[in-house]
Amino acid sequence: MQRTTFLTFLLLLTTCIHHVYGAIIYDTPWRLHIIFFAVPAMLLVLALGYLYARRPGRILLVSYLLAVLLFPMLGIGLYEGVYNHLIKNIVFPFTGNSSLFKVLFPPPTYEAPNDIIFELTGILQALILYPLARNFRKLVAF
């Protein structure tokens, strides 16, 4: 559980850094909204992990698993990391900034890849998801 908690914390910290950086370089302060979700999610996962370590029980374990799965893994890892960045950076070299690309990744929500730090921190979210999912799967086998 400690590794899952660490990877969840790392994923959420990465997304905070990524979104703050994106808000600054693209002058899109709306990207900062993620902090208001990521920080409470971090605290919730840490608290539930701590409580479960002190008093193990099925309710705490299921609560912990849901807290890790719903926002960090699905919302950030899968949607933000895999779709918004990994897939976008795979598709872009083949389509360029074409109408197909804009259908899949409509502006102004999405930026065509043009900043290496922004894209690498975005892809890093997808890369963190893989070991997180492996550790999560071990915990689900309760």
Foldseek 3Di string as FASTA:
>chain_A
DVVLLVLLLVLLVLQQVLLVVCCVVVVPVVSNVSCVVSVVLNVQLVVLVVVCVVPPDDVSLVSNLCSSPPCLQVVQQCCQQVQQAVVLVVCCVVQPPDPVSCVSPPPPVHDRDDDPVSRVSSNVSNVSNVVSVVVSVVSVVD
